[in-house]
Amino acid sequence: MVTGIILKVSMLLKGCLHTHTTCSDGKLSPQEVADAYESKGYDFIAFTDHDYLLKPNYLETYGRVRTSMMVFYGIELSVFVNGNIHVAKIEGDREQLHVFNHISEYDFTPQQLIVRLRQLEKMYPLDAVEITKKGFRDSVFEALDLPYPKIASDDSHTLTGIGRAWVELDAKREKDSIIHAIRHGEFWNCYLS
């Protein structure tokens, strides 16, 4: 008889935490986005359509998506901090993840970014920063010493934008386990070569 053994069932998961659909300014429906990511071997995605462009029935539209992937519902918030910046708020089962999106797209110097980051910290419980620009690497912002995990994402709006950058992590196939791994920097950034 074996007692007291706890098994952690985890697996390597591939995912994107920043996608757009026709529920805001994306060119593909949520189903088309899910189909495209699933065809590239993704295990999870997050719909993060823009708050100010959201269609009234977006949650119903997301709910009709059929896929074997885990689908996070999120929203890309427009926040004014010495200019307009974006923060993704992604819902897990019980947890939330807040990501300062595409930090290299704002035309900030690294010093200006730090100032805005400090202001943003007073408004949201930040968990990570996104260091890619439409899925492409930015070596300046990737090299910054920041107090948050740095994630790669493709911020897809079109079919050609899907699959440029993603995260991989070893976690249970549960939304909150994925959020926990991101929050604690337990993942790898990956890029299309």
N, C-alpha and C. Protein backbone atom coordinates (compact mmCIF):
# COMPACT_ATOMS: atom_id res chain seq x y z
N MET A 1 0.84 -1.17 0.00
CA MET A 1 0.00 0.00 0.00
C MET A 1 0.89 1.24 0.00
N VAL A 2 0.63 2.18 -0.93
CA VAL A 2 1.39 3.42 -1.03
C VAL A 2 0.51 4.55 -0.52
N THR A 3 1.03 5.33 0.41
CA THR A 3 0.28 6.49 0.92
C THR A 3 1.17 7.71 0.93
N GLY A 4 0.53 8.87 0.92
CA GLY A 4 1.26 10.13 1.04
C GLY A 4 1.97 10.60 -0.21
N ILE A 5 1.68 10.02 -1.36
CA ILE A 5 2.33 10.45 -2.60
C ILE A 5 1.38 11.38 -3.35
N ILE A 6 1.88 12.54 -3.70
CA ILE A 6 1.10 13.50 -4.48
C ILE A 6 1.77 13.64 -5.83
N LEU A 7 1.00 13.42 -6.87
CA LEU A 7 1.54 13.56 -8.22
C LEU A 7 1.11 14.89 -8.81
N LYS A 8 2.05 15.61 -9.37
CA LYS A 8 1.74 16.85 -10.09
C LYS A 8 1.63 16.49 -11.57
N VAL A 9 0.42 16.59 -12.08
CA VAL A 9 0.21 16.28 -13.49
C VAL A 9 0.32 17.58 -14.27
N SER A 10 1.42 17.72 -14.98
CA SER A 10 1.63 18.93 -15.78
C SER A 10 2.14 18.52 -17.15
N MET A 11 2.13 19.50 -18.04
CA MET A 11 2.58 19.23 -19.41
C MET A 11 3.09 20.53 -20.00
N LEU A 12 3.84 20.40 -21.06
CA LEU A 12 4.32 21.58 -21.76
C LEU A 12 3.17 22.15 -22.58
N LEU A 13 2.84 23.40 -22.32
CA LEU A 13 1.74 24.08 -22.99
C LEU A 13 2.26 25.28 -23.78
N LYS A 14 1.66 25.52 -24.93
CA LYS A 14 2.02 26.63 -25.82
C LYS A 14 0.83 27.57 -25.89
N GLY A 15 1.08 28.88 -25.72
CA GLY A 15 -0.05 29.79 -25.76
C GLY A 15 0.28 31.22 -26.10
N CYS A 16 -0.78 31.94 -26.43
CA CYS A 16 -0.71 33.38 -26.74
C CYS A 16 -1.71 34.11 -25.85
N LEU A 17 -1.24 35.15 -25.18
CA LEU A 17 -2.08 35.89 -24.24
C LEU A 17 -2.52 37.25 -24.75
N HIS A 18 -2.49 37.44 -26.09
CA HIS A 18 -2.88 38.75 -26.62
C HIS A 18 -3.33 38.58 -28.07
N THR A 19 -4.64 38.47 -28.27
CA THR A 19 -5.21 38.33 -29.61
C THR A 19 -6.41 39.26 -29.77
N HIS A 20 -6.69 39.64 -31.00
CA HIS A 20 -7.83 40.50 -31.31
C HIS A 20 -8.72 39.83 -32.34
N THR A 21 -10.02 40.11 -32.25
CA THR A 21 -11.01 39.50 -33.14
C THR A 21 -11.92 40.59 -33.70
N THR A 22 -12.91 40.16 -34.47
CA THR A 22 -13.91 41.10 -34.99
C THR A 22 -14.79 41.66 -33.88
N CYS A 23 -14.60 41.21 -32.65
CA CYS A 23 -15.32 41.82 -31.52
C CYS A 23 -14.75 43.20 -31.20
N SER A 24 -13.59 43.54 -31.77
CA SER A 24 -13.08 44.91 -31.73
C SER A 24 -12.46 45.20 -33.09
N ASP A 25 -11.13 45.35 -33.17
CA ASP A 25 -10.52 45.76 -34.44
C ASP A 25 -9.77 44.66 -35.17
N GLY A 26 -9.98 43.39 -34.79
CA GLY A 26 -9.36 42.28 -35.49
C GLY A 26 -10.08 41.99 -36.79
N LYS A 27 -9.41 41.32 -37.70
CA LYS A 27 -9.97 40.99 -39.02
C LYS A 27 -10.61 39.61 -39.07
N LEU A 28 -10.41 38.78 -38.03
CA LEU A 28 -10.95 37.42 -37.99
C LEU A 28 -11.96 37.29 -36.86
N SER A 29 -12.96 36.46 -37.06
CA SER A 29 -13.93 36.19 -35.99
C SER A 29 -13.23 35.42 -34.87
N PRO A 30 -13.81 35.39 -33.67
CA PRO A 30 -13.20 34.59 -32.61
C PRO A 30 -13.01 33.13 -33.01
N GLN A 31 -13.96 32.55 -33.73
CA GLN A 31 -13.81 31.15 -34.17
C GLN A 31 -12.65 31.02 -35.15
N GLU A 32 -12.51 31.96 -36.07
CA GLU A 32 -11.40 31.90 -37.03
C GLU A 32 -10.05 32.06 -36.31
N VAL A 33 -10.00 32.93 -35.31
CA VAL A 33 -8.77 33.10 -34.53
C VAL A 33 -8.42 31.80 -33.81
N ALA A 34 -9.42 31.20 -33.16
CA ALA A 34 -9.18 29.94 -32.45
C ALA A 34 -8.73 28.85 -33.42
N ASP A 35 -9.38 28.74 -34.57
CA ASP A 35 -9.00 27.73 -35.55
C ASP A 35 -7.55 27.92 -36.02
N ALA A 36 -7.16 29.17 -36.25
CA ALA A 36 -5.81 29.44 -36.73
C ALA A 36 -4.76 29.08 -35.68
N TYR A 37 -4.99 29.45 -34.43
CA TYR A 37 -4.03 29.10 -33.38
C TYR A 37 -3.99 27.59 -33.15
N GLU A 38 -5.15 26.96 -33.14
CA GLU A 38 -5.19 25.51 -32.93
C GLU A 38 -4.43 24.78 -34.04
N SER A 39 -4.54 25.28 -35.28
CA SER A 39 -3.82 24.64 -36.39
C SER A 39 -2.31 24.77 -36.26
N LYS A 40 -1.85 25.70 -35.43
CA LYS A 40 -0.41 25.89 -35.21
C LYS A 40 0.06 25.22 -33.91
N GLY A 41 -0.80 24.39 -33.32
CA GLY A 41 -0.40 23.61 -32.16
C GLY A 41 -0.49 24.32 -30.82
N TYR A 42 -1.25 25.38 -30.74
CA TYR A 42 -1.41 26.09 -29.47
C TYR A 42 -2.33 25.32 -28.54
N ASP A 43 -2.08 25.46 -27.24
CA ASP A 43 -2.91 24.84 -26.21
C ASP A 43 -3.86 25.84 -25.56
N PHE A 44 -3.50 27.13 -25.62
CA PHE A 44 -4.37 28.16 -25.04
C PHE A 44 -4.16 29.49 -25.74
N ILE A 45 -5.20 30.30 -25.71
CA ILE A 45 -5.14 31.69 -26.21
C ILE A 45 -5.99 32.55 -25.30
N ALA A 46 -5.77 33.86 -25.39
CA ALA A 46 -6.61 34.82 -24.68
C ALA A 46 -7.16 35.82 -25.69
N PHE A 47 -8.49 35.93 -25.72
CA PHE A 47 -9.11 37.00 -26.49
C PHE A 47 -8.98 38.27 -25.66
N THR A 48 -8.32 39.28 -26.21
CA THR A 48 -8.10 40.54 -25.48
C THR A 48 -8.47 41.71 -26.37
N ASP A 49 -9.73 41.76 -26.76
CA ASP A 49 -10.18 42.85 -27.61
C ASP A 49 -10.19 44.18 -26.85
N HIS A 50 -10.08 45.26 -27.61
CA HIS A 50 -9.99 46.61 -27.05
C HIS A 50 -11.28 47.03 -26.36
N ASP A 51 -11.15 47.59 -25.16
CA ASP A 51 -12.33 47.99 -24.38
C ASP A 51 -13.21 49.01 -25.10
N TYR A 52 -12.63 49.98 -25.75
CA TYR A 52 -13.40 51.07 -26.35
C TYR A 52 -14.02 50.70 -27.70
N LEU A 53 -13.68 49.51 -28.24
CA LEU A 53 -14.23 49.06 -29.52
C LEU A 53 -15.09 47.81 -29.40
N LEU A 54 -15.27 47.31 -28.18
CA LEU A 54 -15.98 46.04 -27.99
C LEU A 54 -17.41 46.07 -28.50
N LYS A 55 -17.78 45.02 -29.20
CA LYS A 55 -19.16 44.83 -29.64
C LYS A 55 -20.00 44.46 -28.41
N PRO A 56 -21.25 44.89 -28.37
CA PRO A 56 -22.09 44.63 -27.18
C PRO A 56 -22.23 43.14 -26.83
N ASN A 57 -22.22 42.25 -27.79
CA ASN A 57 -22.45 40.82 -27.53
C ASN A 57 -21.15 40.01 -27.53
N TYR A 58 -20.03 40.62 -27.23
CA TYR A 58 -18.74 39.94 -27.37
C TYR A 58 -18.64 38.67 -26.52
N LEU A 59 -19.16 38.68 -25.30
CA LEU A 59 -19.05 37.48 -24.46
C LEU A 59 -19.85 36.32 -25.04
N GLU A 60 -21.01 36.60 -25.59
CA GLU A 60 -21.81 35.55 -26.26
C GLU A 60 -21.05 35.01 -27.46
N THR A 61 -20.43 35.90 -28.22
CA THR A 61 -19.67 35.48 -29.40
C THR A 61 -18.50 34.60 -28.99
N TYR A 62 -17.76 35.01 -27.95
CA TYR A 62 -16.67 34.17 -27.44
C TYR A 62 -17.19 32.81 -27.00
N GLY A 63 -18.34 32.81 -26.33
CA GLY A 63 -18.90 31.57 -25.79
C GLY A 63 -19.30 30.56 -26.85
N ARG A 64 -19.49 30.99 -28.08
CA ARG A 64 -19.86 30.08 -29.17
C ARG A 64 -18.65 29.42 -29.84
N VAL A 65 -17.46 29.82 -29.45
CA VAL A 65 -16.25 29.26 -30.06
C VAL A 65 -16.09 27.80 -29.66
N ARG A 66 -15.83 26.95 -30.63
CA ARG A 66 -15.60 25.52 -30.41
C ARG A 66 -14.15 25.20 -30.74
N THR A 67 -13.43 24.74 -29.73
CA THR A 67 -12.01 24.43 -29.88
C THR A 67 -11.58 23.50 -28.76
N SER A 68 -10.50 22.78 -28.99
CA SER A 68 -9.95 21.94 -27.92
C SER A 68 -8.97 22.74 -27.05
N MET A 69 -8.64 23.96 -27.47
CA MET A 69 -7.75 24.81 -26.67
C MET A 69 -8.50 25.39 -25.47
N MET A 70 -7.74 25.81 -24.47
CA MET A 70 -8.33 26.62 -23.41
C MET A 70 -8.40 28.05 -23.94
N VAL A 71 -9.53 28.69 -23.73
CA VAL A 71 -9.71 30.06 -24.19
C VAL A 71 -9.96 30.96 -22.99
N PHE A 72 -9.03 31.88 -22.77
CA PHE A 72 -9.18 32.89 -21.72
C PHE A 72 -9.97 34.06 -22.29
N TYR A 73 -10.85 34.63 -21.49
CA TYR A 73 -11.53 35.86 -21.88
C TYR A 73 -10.80 37.00 -21.19
N GLY A 74 -10.51 38.01 -21.97
CA GLY A 74 -9.81 39.16 -21.44
C GLY A 74 -10.29 40.41 -22.12
N ILE A 75 -9.64 41.49 -21.78
CA ILE A 75 -9.96 42.77 -22.38
C ILE A 75 -8.68 43.60 -22.36
N GLU A 76 -8.44 44.35 -23.43
CA GLU A 76 -7.29 45.25 -23.45
C GLU A 76 -7.79 46.63 -23.06
N LEU A 77 -7.42 47.02 -21.86
CA LEU A 77 -7.86 48.28 -21.29
C LEU A 77 -7.01 49.44 -21.80
N SER A 78 -7.64 50.54 -22.13
CA SER A 78 -6.93 51.77 -22.47
C SER A 78 -6.81 52.59 -21.20
N VAL A 79 -5.58 52.89 -20.84
CA VAL A 79 -5.31 53.58 -19.59
C VAL A 79 -4.49 54.83 -19.90
N PHE A 80 -4.87 55.95 -19.31
CA PHE A 80 -4.12 57.18 -19.56
C PHE A 80 -3.10 57.38 -18.44
N VAL A 81 -1.83 57.25 -18.79
CA VAL A 81 -0.72 57.50 -17.87
C VAL A 81 0.32 58.27 -18.66
N ASN A 82 0.24 59.60 -18.63
CA ASN A 82 1.12 60.45 -19.44
C ASN A 82 1.02 60.02 -20.91
N GLY A 83 -0.17 59.76 -21.36
CA GLY A 83 -0.43 59.24 -22.69
C GLY A 83 -1.20 57.94 -22.57
N ASN A 84 -1.72 57.48 -23.69
CA ASN A 84 -2.54 56.27 -23.69
C ASN A 84 -1.66 55.02 -23.76
N ILE A 85 -1.88 54.09 -22.84
CA ILE A 85 -1.18 52.81 -22.84
C ILE A 85 -2.22 51.70 -22.69
N HIS A 86 -1.82 50.46 -22.88
CA HIS A 86 -2.75 49.34 -22.82
C HIS A 86 -2.33 48.31 -21.78
N VAL A 87 -3.34 47.84 -21.04
CA VAL A 87 -3.15 46.79 -20.05
C VAL A 87 -4.16 45.69 -20.33
N ALA A 88 -3.67 44.48 -20.51
CA ALA A 88 -4.58 43.34 -20.69
C ALA A 88 -4.99 42.82 -19.32
N LYS A 89 -6.29 42.65 -19.16
CA LYS A 89 -6.85 42.03 -17.95
C LYS A 89 -7.44 40.71 -18.41
N ILE A 90 -6.84 39.61 -17.97
CA ILE A 90 -7.19 38.27 -18.45
C ILE A 90 -7.78 37.48 -17.29
N GLU A 91 -8.95 36.89 -17.53
CA GLU A 91 -9.67 36.15 -16.49
C GLU A 91 -9.30 34.68 -16.51
N GLY A 92 -8.95 34.16 -15.34
CA GLY A 92 -8.80 32.72 -15.16
C GLY A 92 -10.08 32.18 -14.57
N ASP A 93 -9.99 31.08 -13.85
CA ASP A 93 -11.18 30.56 -13.17
C ASP A 93 -11.43 31.33 -11.88
N ARG A 94 -10.37 31.59 -11.13
CA ARG A 94 -10.48 32.38 -9.90
C ARG A 94 -9.50 33.55 -9.90
N GLU A 95 -8.47 33.45 -10.69
CA GLU A 95 -7.39 34.44 -10.74
C GLU A 95 -7.55 35.38 -11.93
N GLN A 96 -6.87 36.52 -11.85
CA GLN A 96 -6.75 37.45 -12.96
C GLN A 96 -5.28 37.72 -13.23
N LEU A 97 -4.98 38.00 -14.48
CA LEU A 97 -3.62 38.35 -14.89
C LEU A 97 -3.68 39.72 -15.53
N HIS A 98 -2.78 40.63 -15.12
CA HIS A 98 -2.68 41.97 -15.69
C HIS A 98 -1.32 42.12 -16.37
N VAL A 99 -1.35 42.44 -17.66
CA VAL A 99 -0.12 42.55 -18.45
C VAL A 99 -0.05 43.95 -19.07
N PHE A 100 1.05 44.65 -18.86
CA PHE A 100 1.31 45.93 -19.53
C PHE A 100 1.72 45.55 -20.96
N ASN A 101 0.84 45.83 -21.90
CA ASN A 101 1.02 45.34 -23.27
C ASN A 101 2.00 46.16 -24.10
N HIS A 102 2.64 45.46 -25.01
CA HIS A 102 3.55 45.97 -26.06
C HIS A 102 4.30 47.24 -25.64
N ILE A 103 5.18 47.08 -24.65
CA ILE A 103 5.86 48.25 -24.08
C ILE A 103 6.78 48.96 -25.07
N SER A 104 7.17 48.29 -26.13
CA SER A 104 8.08 48.95 -27.08
C SER A 104 7.34 49.74 -28.16
N GLU A 105 6.03 49.69 -28.19
CA GLU A 105 5.27 50.38 -29.23
C GLU A 105 4.94 51.84 -28.91
N TYR A 106 5.23 52.30 -27.71
CA TYR A 106 4.78 53.63 -27.30
C TYR A 106 5.75 54.75 -27.63
N ASP A 107 6.86 54.44 -28.21
CA ASP A 107 7.87 55.44 -28.52
C ASP A 107 8.41 56.10 -27.25
N PHE A 108 8.50 55.31 -26.17
CA PHE A 108 9.09 55.76 -24.91
C PHE A 108 10.56 55.37 -24.90
N THR A 109 11.35 56.17 -24.23
CA THR A 109 12.69 55.72 -23.90
C THR A 109 12.54 54.73 -22.74
N PRO A 110 13.55 53.91 -22.47
CA PRO A 110 13.45 53.02 -21.30
C PRO A 110 13.18 53.79 -20.00
N GLN A 111 13.76 54.97 -19.86
CA GLN A 111 13.53 55.76 -18.65
C GLN A 111 12.07 56.22 -18.56
N GLN A 112 11.49 56.64 -19.68
CA GLN A 112 10.09 57.04 -19.69
C GLN A 112 9.18 55.86 -19.39
N LEU A 113 9.57 54.69 -19.86
CA LEU A 113 8.79 53.49 -19.57
C LEU A 113 8.75 53.23 -18.06
N ILE A 114 9.89 53.36 -17.40
CA ILE A 114 9.96 53.11 -15.96
C ILE A 114 9.04 54.07 -15.21
N VAL A 115 9.01 55.33 -15.60
CA VAL A 115 8.12 56.31 -14.96
C VAL A 115 6.67 55.88 -15.12
N ARG A 116 6.28 55.49 -16.32
CA ARG A 116 4.90 55.06 -16.56
C ARG A 116 4.58 53.76 -15.83
N LEU A 117 5.54 52.88 -15.77
CA LEU A 117 5.35 51.63 -15.05
C LEU A 117 5.06 51.89 -13.58
N ARG A 118 5.78 52.81 -12.98
CA ARG A 118 5.57 53.14 -11.56
C ARG A 118 4.16 53.74 -11.34
N GLN A 119 3.71 54.56 -12.28
CA GLN A 119 2.37 55.13 -12.17
C GLN A 119 1.30 54.05 -12.36
N LEU A 120 1.53 53.17 -13.29
CA LEU A 120 0.59 52.10 -13.59
C LEU A 120 0.45 51.13 -12.42
N GLU A 121 1.54 50.90 -11.71
CA GLU A 121 1.52 50.01 -10.55
C GLU A 121 0.55 50.48 -9.48
N LYS A 122 0.30 51.77 -9.43
CA LYS A 122 -0.65 52.32 -8.44
C LYS A 122 -2.09 52.07 -8.85
N MET A 123 -2.32 51.74 -10.12
CA MET A 123 -3.67 51.57 -10.65
C MET A 123 -4.08 50.10 -10.79
N TYR A 124 -3.12 49.22 -11.12
CA TYR A 124 -3.41 47.82 -11.40
C TYR A 124 -2.37 46.92 -10.74
N PRO A 125 -2.78 45.72 -10.35
CA PRO A 125 -1.82 44.76 -9.80
C PRO A 125 -1.07 44.07 -10.95
N LEU A 126 -0.08 44.74 -11.51
CA LEU A 126 0.62 44.22 -12.68
C LEU A 126 1.31 42.89 -12.37
N ASP A 127 1.24 41.99 -13.35
CA ASP A 127 1.85 40.68 -13.20
C ASP A 127 2.97 40.43 -14.21
N ALA A 128 2.92 41.11 -15.36
CA ALA A 128 3.91 40.87 -16.42
C ALA A 128 3.91 42.05 -17.38
N VAL A 129 4.95 42.12 -18.20
CA VAL A 129 5.01 43.10 -19.29
C VAL A 129 5.25 42.35 -20.59
N GLU A 130 4.65 42.85 -21.65
CA GLU A 130 4.80 42.24 -22.97
C GLU A 130 5.92 42.97 -23.72
N ILE A 131 6.94 42.23 -24.13
CA ILE A 131 8.15 42.85 -24.68
C ILE A 131 8.23 42.77 -26.20
N THR A 132 7.20 42.24 -26.84
CA THR A 132 7.23 42.12 -28.29
C THR A 132 6.40 43.21 -28.93
N LYS A 133 6.69 43.45 -30.20
CA LYS A 133 5.96 44.45 -30.98
C LYS A 133 5.36 43.72 -32.17
N LYS A 134 4.04 43.42 -32.07
CA LYS A 134 3.33 42.64 -33.09
C LYS A 134 4.01 41.30 -33.34
N GLY A 135 4.59 40.73 -32.29
CA GLY A 135 5.23 39.42 -32.40
C GLY A 135 6.70 39.45 -32.72
N PHE A 136 7.27 40.62 -32.90
CA PHE A 136 8.69 40.73 -33.23
C PHE A 136 9.47 41.16 -31.98
N ARG A 137 10.69 40.65 -31.88
CA ARG A 137 11.54 40.95 -30.74
C ARG A 137 11.99 42.41 -30.77
N ASP A 138 12.16 42.97 -29.59
CA ASP A 138 12.74 44.30 -29.43
C ASP A 138 13.85 44.16 -28.40
N SER A 139 15.08 44.11 -28.87
CA SER A 139 16.21 43.80 -28.00
C SER A 139 16.41 44.83 -26.88
N VAL A 140 16.07 46.10 -27.13
CA VAL A 140 16.23 47.13 -26.09
C VAL A 140 15.32 46.83 -24.91
N PHE A 141 14.04 46.62 -25.18
CA PHE A 141 13.09 46.41 -24.09
C PHE A 141 13.20 44.99 -23.51
N GLU A 142 13.64 44.06 -24.32
CA GLU A 142 13.86 42.70 -23.83
C GLU A 142 14.99 42.67 -22.80
N ALA A 143 15.97 43.54 -22.97
CA ALA A 143 17.14 43.56 -22.08
C ALA A 143 16.93 44.38 -20.81
N LEU A 144 15.86 45.14 -20.73
CA LEU A 144 15.64 45.97 -19.55
C LEU A 144 15.50 45.14 -18.29
N ASP A 145 16.04 45.65 -17.21
CA ASP A 145 15.89 45.01 -15.91
C ASP A 145 14.59 45.51 -15.30
N LEU A 146 13.54 44.73 -15.41
CA LEU A 146 12.22 45.11 -14.90
C LEU A 146 11.80 44.15 -13.80
N PRO A 147 10.98 44.61 -12.86
CA PRO A 147 10.57 43.73 -11.75
C PRO A 147 9.42 42.79 -12.10
N TYR A 148 9.19 42.56 -13.39
CA TYR A 148 8.08 41.71 -13.81
C TYR A 148 8.56 40.71 -14.86
N PRO A 149 7.91 39.56 -14.92
CA PRO A 149 8.21 38.64 -16.02
C PRO A 149 7.90 39.31 -17.36
N LYS A 150 8.70 38.99 -18.36
CA LYS A 150 8.55 39.57 -19.70
C LYS A 150 8.01 38.50 -20.64
N ILE A 151 6.82 38.76 -21.19
CA ILE A 151 6.21 37.76 -22.06
C ILE A 151 6.28 38.16 -23.53
N ALA A 152 6.31 37.15 -24.38
CA ALA A 152 6.25 37.34 -25.83
C ALA A 152 4.83 37.02 -26.29
N SER A 153 4.35 37.81 -27.22
CA SER A 153 3.02 37.60 -27.79
C SER A 153 3.00 38.20 -29.18
N ASP A 154 2.06 37.75 -29.99
CA ASP A 154 2.02 38.33 -31.34
C ASP A 154 0.98 39.43 -31.50
N ASP A 155 0.12 39.67 -30.49
CA ASP A 155 -0.84 40.77 -30.58
C ASP A 155 -1.56 40.72 -31.93
N SER A 156 -2.02 39.52 -32.31
CA SER A 156 -2.54 39.33 -33.67
C SER A 156 -3.84 40.08 -33.90
N HIS A 157 -3.92 40.69 -35.07
CA HIS A 157 -5.13 41.33 -35.58
C HIS A 157 -5.55 40.69 -36.90
N THR A 158 -4.63 39.96 -37.53
CA THR A 158 -4.86 39.35 -38.85
C THR A 158 -4.31 37.93 -38.86
N LEU A 159 -4.63 37.18 -39.89
CA LEU A 159 -4.12 35.82 -40.01
C LEU A 159 -2.60 35.79 -40.12
N THR A 160 -2.02 36.74 -40.84
CA THR A 160 -0.55 36.76 -40.98
C THR A 160 0.15 37.10 -39.67
N GLY A 161 -0.55 37.71 -38.73
CA GLY A 161 0.05 38.04 -37.44
C GLY A 161 0.07 36.89 -36.45
N ILE A 162 -0.63 35.82 -36.75
CA ILE A 162 -0.76 34.70 -35.80
C ILE A 162 0.47 33.79 -35.88
N GLY A 163 1.05 33.52 -34.70
CA GLY A 163 2.14 32.54 -34.62
C GLY A 163 3.54 33.10 -34.67
N ARG A 164 3.70 34.40 -34.49
CA ARG A 164 5.05 34.99 -34.52
C ARG A 164 5.78 34.84 -33.19
N ALA A 165 5.04 34.91 -32.08
CA ALA A 165 5.66 34.84 -30.75
C ALA A 165 4.67 34.22 -29.78
N TRP A 166 5.19 33.45 -28.83
CA TRP A 166 4.31 32.79 -27.86
C TRP A 166 5.10 32.45 -26.61
N VAL A 167 4.37 31.96 -25.61
CA VAL A 167 5.00 31.45 -24.40
C VAL A 167 4.78 29.95 -24.34
N GLU A 168 5.74 29.27 -23.73
CA GLU A 168 5.59 27.85 -23.42
C GLU A 168 5.86 27.68 -21.94
N LEU A 169 5.11 26.79 -21.32
CA LEU A 169 5.25 26.58 -19.88
C LEU A 169 4.87 25.17 -19.51
N ASP A 170 5.39 24.74 -18.39
CA ASP A 170 5.11 23.42 -17.86
C ASP A 170 4.13 23.61 -16.72
N ALA A 171 2.86 23.30 -16.97
CA ALA A 171 1.82 23.55 -15.97
C ALA A 171 0.67 22.59 -16.17
N LYS A 172 -0.20 22.53 -15.18
CA LYS A 172 -1.45 21.80 -15.34
C LYS A 172 -2.27 22.49 -16.40
N ARG A 173 -3.10 21.75 -17.06
CA ARG A 173 -3.97 22.30 -18.10
C ARG A 173 -5.18 22.95 -17.43
N GLU A 174 -4.91 24.00 -16.69
CA GLU A 174 -5.93 24.77 -15.98
C GLU A 174 -5.59 26.25 -16.10
N LYS A 175 -6.60 27.07 -16.25
CA LYS A 175 -6.36 28.50 -16.44
C LYS A 175 -5.57 29.11 -15.29
N ASP A 176 -5.95 28.82 -14.05
CA ASP A 176 -5.25 29.43 -12.92
C ASP A 176 -3.81 28.93 -12.79
N SER A 177 -3.55 27.69 -13.20
CA SER A 177 -2.17 27.18 -13.20
C SER A 177 -1.31 27.94 -14.21
N ILE A 178 -1.90 28.24 -15.35
CA ILE A 178 -1.18 29.02 -16.37
C ILE A 178 -0.91 30.43 -15.87
N ILE A 179 -1.92 31.06 -15.28
CA ILE A 179 -1.73 32.40 -14.72
C ILE A 179 -0.64 32.39 -13.66
N HIS A 180 -0.65 31.40 -12.79
CA HIS A 180 0.37 31.29 -11.74
C HIS A 180 1.76 31.19 -12.36
N ALA A 181 1.91 30.36 -13.39
CA ALA A 181 3.22 30.20 -14.04
C ALA A 181 3.69 31.51 -14.66
N ILE A 182 2.80 32.23 -15.33
CA ILE A 182 3.17 33.53 -15.93
C ILE A 182 3.57 34.51 -14.83
N ARG A 183 2.75 34.60 -13.82
CA ARG A 183 3.00 35.55 -12.72
C ARG A 183 4.36 35.31 -12.06
N HIS A 184 4.79 34.06 -12.02
CA HIS A 184 6.05 33.72 -11.35
C HIS A 184 7.22 33.53 -12.32
N GLY A 185 7.02 33.88 -13.58
CA GLY A 185 8.11 33.82 -14.55
C GLY A 185 8.51 32.40 -14.91
N GLU A 186 7.62 31.45 -14.75
CA GLU A 186 7.92 30.04 -15.02
C GLU A 186 7.46 29.68 -16.43
N PHE A 187 8.11 30.28 -17.42
CA PHE A 187 7.76 30.05 -18.82
C PHE A 187 8.95 30.44 -19.68
N TRP A 188 8.84 30.10 -20.98
CA TRP A 188 9.86 30.47 -21.96
C TRP A 188 9.19 31.27 -23.04
N ASN A 189 9.87 32.31 -23.51
CA ASN A 189 9.40 33.05 -24.69
C ASN A 189 9.94 32.38 -25.93
N CYS A 190 9.09 32.25 -26.93
CA CYS A 190 9.47 31.58 -28.17
C CYS A 190 9.07 32.46 -29.36
N TYR A 191 9.86 32.34 -30.43
CA TYR A 191 9.65 33.18 -31.60
C TYR A 191 9.76 32.35 -32.87
N LEU A 192 8.97 32.72 -33.87
CA LEU A 192 9.07 32.11 -35.18
C LEU A 192 10.41 32.50 -35.78
N SER A 193 11.15 31.50 -36.27
CA SER A 193 12.48 31.82 -36.80
C SER A 193 12.39 32.22 -38.25
